[in-house]
Amino acid sequence: MIEVGRRFGMDPLADLVTGHADEENEEIRQRPELALTDSRLEALDRWSRDPWSFLTGKDPDTGEPIVRTIDQKDKRQPKKPFPAHLDYLHYYADILESEPYIQTEKSSQMIVSTMTLLLSLWRSSFKPAYKSLLSKHKEEEASQLLDEKIRQVWLLMPEWLRVALPLTLKPKNKITWSKTGASILGLPENAAAADARGQSYNCGLTDEACWQDNLA
């Protein structure tokens, strides 16, 4: 058996205190197909160390991509695997992980916003207590991004992986990962003077900054 510990989750003692461990174990007892097999544990450990490995990863049991996105323009096959063949996205992922401040100029349909939010999905899934702030012109726009780029992607993952990396579906403007304690909060452009004031975040994301009048 491959021993990888729980480096991607909360401390086991914390799970016992919150009752999360009992709930998860009961679900797995009723549905053993959700259990973390050796191959799944090995895959989780590998994915936790490298975001690109996670985004391009495949289910060790089925060989199917674990990350799929929804292309609203494709009415026939809207669900698509993450575009692992786009080398510039791999380069962009490396930059996001290595540089403290990044400003990206782009045209539409370059998957840059999707890539940025998917990296946040990876960070929050595997990094304990990682806090991110997403700013858009309006709060409902930020909530929509969280829903389309993170929640819907998570809902398309294999069920065993969703059990291993659980997140919340409500409230609309906030996603919390119960095992890592990480979170992403979506706020309007005046976030610095409103709900985010006085808070500490590991990462701040500003989408379509040129349209945010109160960005300063």
Protein backbone atom coordinates (compact mmCIF):
# COMPACT_ATOMS: atom_id res chain seq x y z
CA MET A 1 0.00 0.00 0.00
CA ILE A 2 1.21 3.50 -0.86
CA GLU A 3 1.33 5.72 2.20
CA VAL A 4 0.78 9.36 1.23
CA GLY A 5 -0.81 10.57 4.45
CA ARG A 6 -3.34 13.40 4.34
CA ARG A 7 -1.17 16.24 3.18
CA PHE A 8 -4.04 17.47 0.99
CA GLY A 9 -6.67 17.42 3.73
CA MET A 10 -7.41 18.56 7.24
CA ASP A 11 -5.77 16.97 10.23
CA PRO A 12 -7.57 13.70 11.13
CA LEU A 13 -8.15 14.96 14.68
CA ALA A 14 -9.93 18.04 13.30
CA ASP A 15 -12.17 15.78 11.23
CA LEU A 16 -13.09 13.85 14.36
CA VAL A 17 -13.95 17.05 16.24
CA THR A 18 -16.14 18.39 13.42
CA GLY A 19 -17.77 15.04 12.77
CA HIS A 20 -16.72 15.12 9.13
CA ALA A 21 -14.81 11.83 9.40
CA ASP A 22 -17.88 9.91 10.61
CA GLU A 23 -20.05 11.29 7.81
CA GLU A 24 -17.49 10.42 5.16
CA ASN A 25 -16.81 6.93 6.52
CA GLU A 26 -20.53 6.16 6.63
CA GLU A 27 -20.95 7.24 3.02
CA ILE A 28 -18.02 5.07 1.95
CA ARG A 29 -19.36 2.08 3.92
CA GLN A 30 -22.61 2.37 2.03
CA ARG A 31 -20.88 2.95 -1.30
CA PRO A 32 -17.45 1.27 -1.33
CA GLU A 33 -16.78 2.50 -4.87
CA LEU A 34 -16.07 5.90 -3.32
CA ALA A 35 -13.20 4.62 -1.18
CA LEU A 36 -9.68 5.93 -1.76
CA THR A 37 -7.86 2.97 -3.28
CA ASP A 38 -4.08 2.83 -3.46
CA SER A 39 -4.13 4.10 -7.04
CA ARG A 40 -6.41 7.00 -6.09
CA LEU A 41 -4.25 7.94 -3.11
CA GLU A 42 -1.18 7.90 -5.34
CA ALA A 43 -2.96 10.09 -7.90
CA LEU A 44 -4.12 12.57 -5.23
CA ASP A 45 -0.60 12.88 -3.88
CA ARG A 46 0.78 13.49 -7.37
CA TRP A 47 -1.91 16.04 -8.20
CA SER A 48 -1.38 17.86 -4.90
CA ARG A 49 2.23 18.61 -5.84
CA ASP A 50 1.72 20.09 -9.31
CA PRO A 51 -1.28 22.06 -10.64
CA TRP A 52 -0.66 21.06 -14.25
CA SER A 53 -0.64 17.40 -13.25
CA PHE A 54 -4.02 17.97 -11.59
CA LEU A 55 -5.57 19.90 -14.48
CA THR A 56 -4.46 17.29 -17.02
CA GLY A 57 -4.92 14.32 -14.69
CA LYS A 58 -6.91 11.20 -15.48
CA ASP A 59 -8.97 8.95 -13.25
CA PRO A 60 -6.64 6.06 -12.35
CA ASP A 61 -9.55 3.60 -12.62
CA THR A 62 -11.26 4.76 -15.81
CA GLY A 63 -8.61 6.79 -17.65
CA GLU A 64 -11.09 9.64 -18.10
CA PRO A 65 -9.94 13.27 -17.57
CA ILE A 66 -10.79 14.48 -14.08
CA VAL A 67 -11.11 18.15 -15.12
CA ARG A 68 -13.74 19.06 -17.66
CA THR A 69 -15.08 22.49 -18.51
CA ILE A 70 -18.27 23.66 -20.18
CA ASP A 71 -18.13 25.45 -23.52
CA GLN A 72 -21.39 27.43 -23.72
CA LYS A 73 -20.89 28.03 -27.45
CA ASP A 74 -20.80 24.33 -28.29
CA LYS A 75 -24.40 23.11 -28.16
CA ARG A 76 -23.57 19.53 -29.21
CA GLN A 77 -20.65 18.71 -26.91
CA PRO A 78 -20.37 21.45 -24.27
CA LYS A 79 -18.46 19.28 -21.77
CA LYS A 80 -14.81 19.17 -22.76
CA PRO A 81 -11.58 17.96 -21.14
CA PHE A 82 -9.14 20.62 -20.02
CA PRO A 83 -7.13 21.65 -23.15
CA ALA A 84 -3.81 20.08 -22.14
CA HIS A 85 -2.44 20.61 -25.67
CA LEU A 86 -2.28 24.41 -25.25
CA ASP A 87 1.33 25.01 -24.23
CA TYR A 88 0.74 28.67 -23.39
CA LEU A 89 -1.63 27.62 -20.59
CA HIS A 90 1.11 25.45 -19.09
CA TYR A 91 3.45 28.44 -19.26
CA TYR A 92 0.78 30.66 -17.71
CA ALA A 93 0.25 28.16 -14.89
CA ASP A 94 3.97 28.20 -14.13
CA ILE A 95 3.94 32.02 -14.04
CA LEU A 96 0.93 32.08 -11.71
CA GLU A 97 2.77 29.81 -9.29
CA SER A 98 6.14 31.58 -9.44
CA GLU A 99 5.37 35.33 -9.67
CA PRO A 100 3.81 37.37 -6.83
CA TYR A 101 2.17 39.99 -9.09
CA ILE A 102 0.76 39.34 -12.55
CA GLN A 103 -1.13 41.49 -15.04
CA THR A 104 -2.46 39.72 -18.11
CA GLU A 105 -3.63 41.35 -21.31
CA LYS A 106 -5.71 39.01 -23.41
CA SER A 107 -8.40 38.73 -26.02
CA SER A 108 -11.57 36.74 -25.38
CA GLN A 109 -11.77 32.95 -25.69
CA MET A 110 -8.16 32.39 -24.63
CA ILE A 111 -9.24 30.39 -21.54
CA VAL A 112 -7.09 32.63 -19.35
CA SER A 113 -9.85 33.46 -16.85
CA THR A 114 -10.79 29.79 -16.73
CA MET A 115 -7.17 28.81 -16.18
CA THR A 116 -6.79 31.35 -13.37
CA LEU A 117 -9.89 30.10 -11.54
CA LEU A 118 -8.91 26.46 -12.07
CA LEU A 119 -5.57 27.17 -10.45
CA SER A 120 -7.52 28.60 -7.52
CA LEU A 121 -9.53 25.37 -7.46
CA TRP A 122 -6.27 23.41 -7.22
CA ARG A 123 -4.78 25.64 -4.53
CA SER A 124 -7.92 25.52 -2.40
CA SER A 125 -8.26 21.77 -2.79
CA PHE A 126 -4.76 21.01 -1.53
CA LYS A 127 -3.42 24.00 0.45
CA PRO A 128 -4.64 24.26 4.06
CA ALA A 129 -6.42 27.50 5.00
CA TYR A 130 -5.65 29.12 1.64
CA LYS A 131 -7.80 32.26 1.22
CA SER A 132 -8.53 33.91 -2.14
CA LEU A 133 -10.49 37.01 -3.08
CA LEU A 134 -12.14 37.40 -6.51
CA SER A 135 -13.15 40.90 -7.58
CA LYS A 136 -15.53 41.76 -10.44
CA HIS A 137 -17.48 44.90 -11.32
CA LYS A 138 -20.54 43.50 -9.51
CA GLU A 139 -20.85 40.80 -6.86
CA GLU A 140 -23.27 38.77 -8.97
CA GLU A 141 -20.65 38.69 -11.75
CA ALA A 142 -18.09 37.34 -9.31
CA SER A 143 -20.61 34.74 -8.09
CA GLN A 144 -21.28 33.68 -11.68
CA LEU A 145 -17.56 33.18 -12.30
CA LEU A 146 -17.23 31.04 -9.18
CA ASP A 147 -20.18 28.95 -10.30
CA GLU A 148 -19.13 28.48 -13.93
CA LYS A 149 -15.37 28.10 -13.50
CA ILE A 150 -15.16 26.21 -10.20
CA ARG A 151 -18.42 24.65 -8.98
CA GLN A 152 -19.51 23.30 -12.37
CA VAL A 153 -16.03 21.91 -13.02
CA TRP A 154 -16.07 20.24 -9.60
CA LEU A 155 -19.53 18.77 -10.25
CA LEU A 156 -18.19 17.14 -13.43
CA MET A 157 -15.37 15.38 -11.55
CA PRO A 158 -15.58 11.68 -10.65
CA GLU A 159 -17.74 11.21 -7.58
CA TRP A 160 -14.94 9.66 -5.51
CA LEU A 161 -12.85 12.77 -6.16
CA ARG A 162 -15.68 15.07 -5.06
CA VAL A 163 -15.88 13.08 -1.83
CA ALA A 164 -12.12 13.40 -1.37
CA LEU A 165 -12.13 17.16 -2.15
CA PRO A 166 -15.52 18.43 -0.91
CA LEU A 167 -16.60 22.03 -1.35
CA THR A 168 -19.73 24.05 -0.61
CA LEU A 169 -22.40 25.06 -3.12
CA LYS A 170 -23.75 27.99 -1.06
CA PRO A 171 -23.63 30.92 -0.58
CA LYS A 172 -23.24 31.94 -4.19
CA ASN A 173 -20.37 34.36 -3.62
CA LYS A 174 -18.25 32.06 -1.46
CA ILE A 175 -16.80 28.57 -1.84
CA THR A 176 -15.31 26.74 1.12
CA TRP A 177 -13.33 23.50 1.08
CA SER A 178 -14.22 21.57 4.22
CA LYS A 179 -11.10 19.41 4.38
CA THR A 180 -8.50 22.11 3.80
CA GLY A 181 -10.39 25.03 5.30
CA ALA A 182 -9.59 27.05 2.17
CA SER A 183 -12.05 29.55 0.69
CA ILE A 184 -12.69 31.86 -2.26
CA LEU A 185 -14.82 34.97 -1.74
CA GLY A 186 -16.37 36.86 -4.65
CA LEU A 187 -16.95 40.58 -4.14
CA PRO A 188 -17.65 43.73 -6.21
CA GLU A 189 -14.95 46.20 -7.23
CA ASN A 190 -15.10 48.16 -3.97
CA ALA A 191 -14.09 45.04 -2.03
CA ALA A 192 -11.11 46.73 -0.42
CA ALA A 193 -13.40 49.27 1.21
CA ALA A 194 -16.19 46.81 2.00
CA ASP A 195 -16.35 43.17 3.12
CA ALA A 196 -12.67 42.46 2.41
CA ARG A 197 -11.36 45.35 4.48
CA GLY A 198 -9.16 44.27 7.36
CA GLN A 199 -8.98 40.68 6.10
CA SER A 200 -5.84 38.81 5.06
CA TYR A 201 -5.78 36.84 1.83
CA ASN A 202 -3.18 34.62 0.20
CA CYS A 203 -4.31 35.62 -3.28
CA GLY A 204 -6.26 38.47 -4.87
CA LEU A 205 -7.83 38.03 -8.31
CA THR A 206 -9.23 40.93 -10.34
CA ASP A 207 -11.14 40.00 -13.49
CA GLU A 208 -11.55 42.56 -16.31
CA ALA A 209 -9.77 45.26 -14.32
CA CYS A 210 -10.25 47.88 -17.04
CA TRP A 211 -14.00 47.84 -16.36
CA GLN A 212 -13.66 48.41 -12.63
CA ASP A 213 -14.03 52.13 -11.94
CA ASN A 214 -13.11 51.73 -8.27
CA LEU A 215 -10.11 49.47 -8.84
CA ALA A 216 -7.73 51.92 -7.17
